[in-house]
Amino acid sequence: MTINSLRKIGKKLFFEIGETRLKPLASSPLGRGASGDKTYPIDRQAEDIIIGALENLHEPMNIISEESGTRQILLNGKTFLIDPIDGSRNAISGVPFYCSSIAVAEGDTIGSISAAYIINLLSGDEFWAEKGKGAFFNGEKIFTQQDSTFYLVAYEAQNPKHDIPRIMNLLGETRRTRCFGATALDLSYLAYGSISVFVSPSPSRSFDFAGGWLMVTEAGGIFTDISGNSIENLGTGLDKSSPLLSSGNSALHERALKLLNG
């Protein structure tokens, strides 16, 4: 499996889904996926494209997907963590900010992730990373923010009543805040240098941030849980989750940790 193989899948996703512009809340859920979230037609369509393409490779692999759960193709293969549509709520609400994310792991922990691919399904912009080779945006190597100014802090608020007060000290020290609603894209733009810090005080599931973890770390950023603990030993299973804090560099990260936990 190479980045080029993942990019071929991305091109198919963008061709078949990228031109879709959903009217607000026009889609009805098909049921609930393996993660417990509602599955919408766009989720199912994207998952079918990704898994179909992976199966056609005829390689041993273990697939963990938000919608269909876990499946094994042959034995002793790599693990593919898939979020077919990250930002599903944006997609069905007509908000143009969502993506597909695929991460490839050599073992069963976040730290074993060796490749990642994320495509913005509205613009076609591609982010990818390979362990030890760096992170890229449309083929150009990218790096995280280098100075210690909080220009923009992005966050995820699954439970706003609980989450926003938890991070208010950090939000109050930044020039701008954003809640975009698609964790993988948030982390990709942090790797690109557009976002200073990303925080998710409620637990985020492994397939939501797996690709973003490698993207950020390969671009020079820092990635821990909200208390500053490493998440590299966190399992890649469907039920694994963690609060997240990711920053462009160590100075930003230390400041954010003090504001969140001081």
Protein backbone atom coordinates (compact mmCIF):
# COMPACT_ATOMS: atom_id res chain seq x y z
CA MET A 1 0.00 0.00 0.00
CA THR A 2 1.43 3.35 -1.07
CA ILE A 3 0.27 6.96 -0.84
CA ASN A 4 -0.44 6.79 -4.58
CA SER A 5 -2.92 3.98 -3.90
CA LEU A 6 -4.67 6.11 -1.30
CA ARG A 7 -4.70 9.09 -3.67
CA LYS A 8 -6.44 6.99 -6.32
CA ILE A 9 -9.16 6.27 -3.78
CA GLY A 10 -9.32 9.99 -2.98
CA LYS A 11 -9.77 10.90 -6.63
CA LYS A 12 -12.67 8.46 -6.90
CA LEU A 13 -14.25 9.91 -3.76
CA PHE A 14 -13.93 13.45 -5.08
CA PHE A 15 -15.28 12.49 -8.51
CA GLU A 16 -18.34 10.72 -7.11
CA ILE A 17 -19.03 12.81 -3.99
CA GLY A 18 -17.15 16.09 -4.38
CA GLU A 19 -19.70 17.74 -6.64
CA THR A 20 -22.56 16.86 -4.31
CA ARG A 21 -24.00 19.87 -2.53
CA LEU A 22 -26.59 18.68 -0.05
CA LYS A 23 -29.59 20.80 0.81
CA PRO A 24 -29.79 21.42 4.56
CA LEU A 25 -31.10 18.36 6.41
CA ALA A 26 -32.53 16.86 3.22
CA SER A 27 -31.08 13.40 4.00
CA SER A 28 -32.67 10.92 6.38
CA PRO A 29 -30.47 8.55 8.40
CA LEU A 30 -30.20 4.95 7.25
CA GLY A 31 -29.70 3.73 10.81
CA ARG A 32 -26.73 3.74 13.16
CA GLY A 33 -23.20 2.71 12.27
CA ALA A 34 -20.84 0.56 14.29
CA SER A 35 -19.65 3.62 16.24
CA GLY A 36 -23.18 4.38 17.39
CA ASP A 37 -23.59 7.54 15.31
CA LYS A 38 -26.32 7.94 12.72
CA THR A 39 -25.35 6.78 9.23
CA TYR A 40 -26.47 8.96 6.33
CA PRO A 41 -26.46 8.11 2.61
CA ILE A 42 -23.27 10.13 2.03
CA ASP A 43 -21.51 8.14 4.79
CA ARG A 44 -22.54 4.84 3.20
CA GLN A 45 -21.57 5.99 -0.29
CA ALA A 46 -18.09 7.07 0.80
CA GLU A 47 -17.51 3.91 2.82
CA ASP A 48 -18.55 1.70 -0.10
CA ILE A 49 -16.07 3.50 -2.38
CA ILE A 50 -13.18 3.20 0.07
CA ILE A 51 -13.73 -0.38 1.15
CA GLY A 52 -14.45 -1.53 -2.40
CA ALA A 53 -11.16 -0.02 -3.58
CA LEU A 54 -9.24 -1.59 -0.69
CA GLU A 55 -10.74 -5.01 -1.32
CA ASN A 56 -9.72 -4.78 -4.97
CA LEU A 57 -6.09 -4.59 -3.87
CA HIS A 58 -6.34 -8.23 -2.71
CA GLU A 59 -3.90 -7.60 0.12
CA PRO A 60 -4.14 -8.82 3.73
CA MET A 61 -5.66 -6.08 5.87
CA ASN A 62 -7.82 -5.34 8.86
CA ILE A 63 -10.36 -2.57 8.25
CA ILE A 64 -11.84 -0.47 11.05
CA SER A 65 -14.54 1.86 9.78
CA GLU A 66 -16.91 4.21 11.59
CA GLU A 67 -19.93 2.81 9.77
CA SER A 68 -19.48 -0.92 9.23
CA GLY A 69 -17.12 -1.70 12.10
CA THR A 70 -14.27 -4.20 11.80
CA ARG A 71 -13.62 -6.65 8.99
CA GLN A 72 -10.59 -8.71 8.04
CA ILE A 73 -9.37 -9.45 4.53
CA LEU A 74 -7.03 -12.43 4.59
CA LEU A 75 -4.69 -12.57 7.62
CA ASN A 76 -1.74 -10.73 9.16
CA GLY A 77 -2.25 -7.47 7.29
CA LYS A 78 -2.00 -3.81 8.16
CA THR A 79 -4.85 -2.00 9.87
CA PHE A 80 -6.80 0.65 7.97
CA LEU A 81 -8.69 3.16 10.11
CA ILE A 82 -11.37 4.80 8.01
CA ASP A 83 -13.67 7.73 8.62
CA PRO A 84 -15.65 7.79 5.34
CA ILE A 85 -17.12 11.24 6.05
CA ASP A 86 -15.57 13.23 8.86
CA GLY A 87 -17.95 16.13 9.39
CA SER A 88 -21.14 14.23 8.54
CA ARG A 89 -23.25 16.77 10.42
CA ASN A 90 -21.75 19.53 8.28
CA ALA A 91 -22.46 17.54 5.12
CA ILE A 92 -26.12 16.90 5.86
CA SER A 93 -26.60 20.46 7.11
CA GLY A 94 -25.25 21.96 3.90
CA VAL A 95 -22.08 23.29 5.54
CA PRO A 96 -19.14 22.89 3.09
CA PHE A 97 -16.49 21.51 5.44
CA TYR A 98 -16.04 17.74 5.49
CA CYS A 99 -13.55 15.14 4.34
CA SER A 100 -12.60 11.48 4.10
CA SER A 101 -9.76 10.13 6.25
CA ILE A 102 -7.71 6.94 5.93
CA ALA A 103 -4.86 5.96 8.26
CA VAL A 104 -2.66 2.88 7.89
CA ALA A 105 -1.17 1.23 10.99
CA GLU A 106 1.50 -1.44 11.19
CA GLY A 107 0.25 -2.58 14.62
CA ASP A 108 -2.67 -1.96 16.95
CA THR A 109 -1.74 1.41 18.48
CA ILE A 110 -1.86 5.02 17.34
CA GLY A 111 1.94 5.12 17.49
CA SER A 112 2.14 2.39 14.86
CA ILE A 113 0.43 4.51 12.19
CA SER A 114 2.76 4.74 9.21
CA ALA A 115 0.68 6.52 6.55
CA ALA A 116 -2.29 8.87 6.40
CA TYR A 117 -4.43 10.42 3.70
CA ILE A 118 -7.14 13.06 4.11
CA ILE A 119 -9.05 14.71 1.28
CA ASN A 120 -11.22 17.80 1.52
CA LEU A 121 -14.27 16.61 -0.40
CA LEU A 122 -15.37 20.12 -1.35
CA SER A 123 -12.10 21.49 -2.75
CA GLY A 124 -10.28 18.29 -3.65
CA ASP A 125 -7.26 19.41 -1.63
CA GLU A 126 -5.19 16.44 -0.44
CA PHE A 127 -3.16 16.03 2.72
CA TRP A 128 -0.95 13.03 3.24
CA ALA A 129 1.89 11.90 5.47
CA GLU A 130 4.29 8.99 5.76
CA LYS A 131 6.22 8.21 8.92
CA GLY A 132 9.73 9.60 8.66
CA LYS A 133 9.03 11.34 5.33
CA GLY A 134 7.00 14.37 6.37
CA ALA A 135 3.53 15.75 5.67
CA PHE A 136 2.29 17.17 2.39
CA PHE A 137 -0.45 19.39 0.97
CA ASN A 138 -1.15 18.73 -2.72
CA GLY A 139 2.41 17.45 -3.05
CA GLU A 140 4.13 20.33 -1.24
CA LYS A 141 5.84 19.61 2.08
CA ILE A 142 4.17 21.43 4.96
CA PHE A 143 5.13 22.50 8.47
CA THR A 144 3.25 23.61 11.55
CA GLN A 145 3.33 27.11 13.04
CA GLN A 146 6.78 28.06 14.26
CA ASP A 147 6.19 30.93 16.74
CA SER A 148 4.32 30.94 20.07
CA THR A 149 1.39 33.28 19.30
CA PHE A 150 -2.15 31.93 19.58
CA TYR A 151 -3.40 33.19 16.22
CA LEU A 152 -6.27 30.73 15.87
CA VAL A 153 -7.44 28.02 18.26
CA ALA A 154 -9.85 25.48 16.81
CA TYR A 155 -11.93 23.18 18.97
CA GLU A 156 -14.49 20.41 18.90
CA ALA A 157 -17.47 20.69 21.25
CA GLN A 158 -19.50 17.50 21.31
CA ASN A 159 -21.26 18.72 24.44
CA PRO A 160 -21.03 22.54 24.31
CA LYS A 161 -22.47 23.07 27.80
CA HIS A 162 -19.67 20.96 29.27
CA ASP A 163 -16.85 21.38 26.73
CA ILE A 164 -16.73 25.14 26.19
CA PRO A 165 -16.36 26.09 29.88
CA ARG A 166 -13.61 23.44 30.13
CA ILE A 167 -11.50 25.21 27.49
CA MET A 168 -12.56 28.83 28.04
CA ASN A 169 -9.22 29.88 29.57
CA LEU A 170 -7.47 28.82 26.36
CA LEU A 171 -10.07 30.36 24.06
CA GLY A 172 -9.83 33.63 25.94
CA GLU A 173 -6.10 33.97 25.14
CA THR A 174 -6.30 33.53 21.38
CA ARG A 175 -6.88 36.09 18.65
CA ARG A 176 -9.52 33.96 16.91
CA THR A 177 -11.47 30.77 17.63
CA ARG A 178 -13.21 28.36 15.29
CA CYS A 179 -15.33 25.23 15.68
CA PHE A 180 -15.26 23.74 12.18
CA GLY A 181 -16.82 20.35 12.95
CA ALA A 182 -14.42 17.97 11.18
CA THR A 183 -11.52 16.83 13.35
CA ALA A 184 -9.40 15.32 10.56
CA LEU A 185 -9.52 18.56 8.57
CA ASP A 186 -8.84 20.65 11.68
CA LEU A 187 -5.68 18.63 12.29
CA SER A 188 -4.68 18.79 8.64
CA TYR A 189 -4.88 22.58 8.63
CA LEU A 190 -2.92 22.65 11.89
CA ALA A 191 -0.22 20.65 10.10
CA TYR A 192 -0.44 23.20 7.28
CA GLY A 193 0.23 26.03 9.74
CA SER A 194 -3.22 27.63 9.52
CA ILE A 195 -4.27 26.64 13.07
CA SER A 196 -2.15 27.23 16.19
CA VAL A 197 -3.86 24.79 18.55
CA PHE A 198 -6.69 22.25 18.31
CA VAL A 199 -8.47 20.99 21.42
CA SER A 200 -11.22 18.43 21.95
CA PRO A 201 -12.11 18.11 25.66
CA SER A 202 -14.59 15.28 25.11
CA PRO A 203 -13.12 11.95 23.96
CA SER A 204 -12.50 11.70 20.23
CA ARG A 205 -12.52 8.27 18.61
CA SER A 206 -9.39 6.76 17.12
CA PHE A 207 -10.58 6.77 13.52
CA ASP A 208 -11.48 10.48 13.85
CA PHE A 209 -7.95 11.61 14.63
CA ALA A 210 -5.67 8.74 13.50
CA GLY A 211 -4.74 10.31 10.18
CA GLY A 212 -4.47 13.76 11.74
CA TRP A 213 -2.11 12.45 14.42
CA LEU A 214 0.48 11.42 11.85
CA MET A 215 -0.12 14.54 9.77
CA VAL A 216 0.60 16.83 12.72
CA THR A 217 3.59 14.93 14.11
CA GLU A 218 5.23 14.63 10.70
CA ALA A 219 4.74 18.39 10.12
CA GLY A 220 6.55 19.17 13.39
CA GLY A 221 3.62 19.56 15.79
CA ILE A 222 2.86 18.17 19.24
CA PHE A 223 -0.05 15.79 19.94
CA THR A 224 -1.19 14.58 23.38
CA ASP A 225 -4.36 14.21 25.38
CA ILE A 226 -5.72 17.30 27.13
CA SER A 227 -3.61 16.58 30.22
CA GLY A 228 -0.37 16.33 28.25
CA ASN A 229 -0.12 12.52 28.21
CA SER A 230 1.08 10.70 25.10
CA ILE A 231 -1.60 8.91 23.09
CA GLU A 232 0.83 6.75 21.10
CA ASN A 233 -0.07 3.64 23.14
CA LEU A 234 -3.81 4.15 22.66
CA GLY A 235 -5.36 1.25 20.79
CA THR A 236 -6.81 1.61 17.31
CA GLY A 237 -9.99 -0.31 18.10
CA LEU A 238 -13.45 0.99 17.29
CA ASP A 239 -14.15 1.71 20.96
CA LYS A 240 -10.89 3.57 21.68
CA SER A 241 -11.06 7.30 22.32
CA SER A 242 -9.25 10.17 24.02
CA PRO A 243 -9.56 13.90 24.63
CA LEU A 244 -7.12 15.71 22.36
CA LEU A 245 -4.72 18.62 22.42
CA SER A 246 -2.57 19.35 19.39
CA SER A 247 -0.29 22.35 18.84
CA GLY A 248 2.06 23.66 16.20
CA ASN A 249 5.10 23.46 18.48
CA SER A 250 6.18 22.74 22.05
CA ALA A 251 5.97 26.37 23.21
CA LEU A 252 2.35 26.62 22.08
CA HIS A 253 1.59 23.26 23.64
CA GLU A 254 3.06 24.16 27.02
CA ARG A 255 1.09 27.42 27.12
CA ALA A 256 -2.12 25.62 26.17
CA LEU A 257 -1.61 22.94 28.84
CA LYS A 258 -1.09 25.57 31.53
CA LEU A 259 -4.25 27.39 30.53
CA LEU A 260 -6.29 24.19 30.43
CA ASN A 261 -4.94 22.59 33.59
CA GLY A 262 -3.53 25.42 35.69
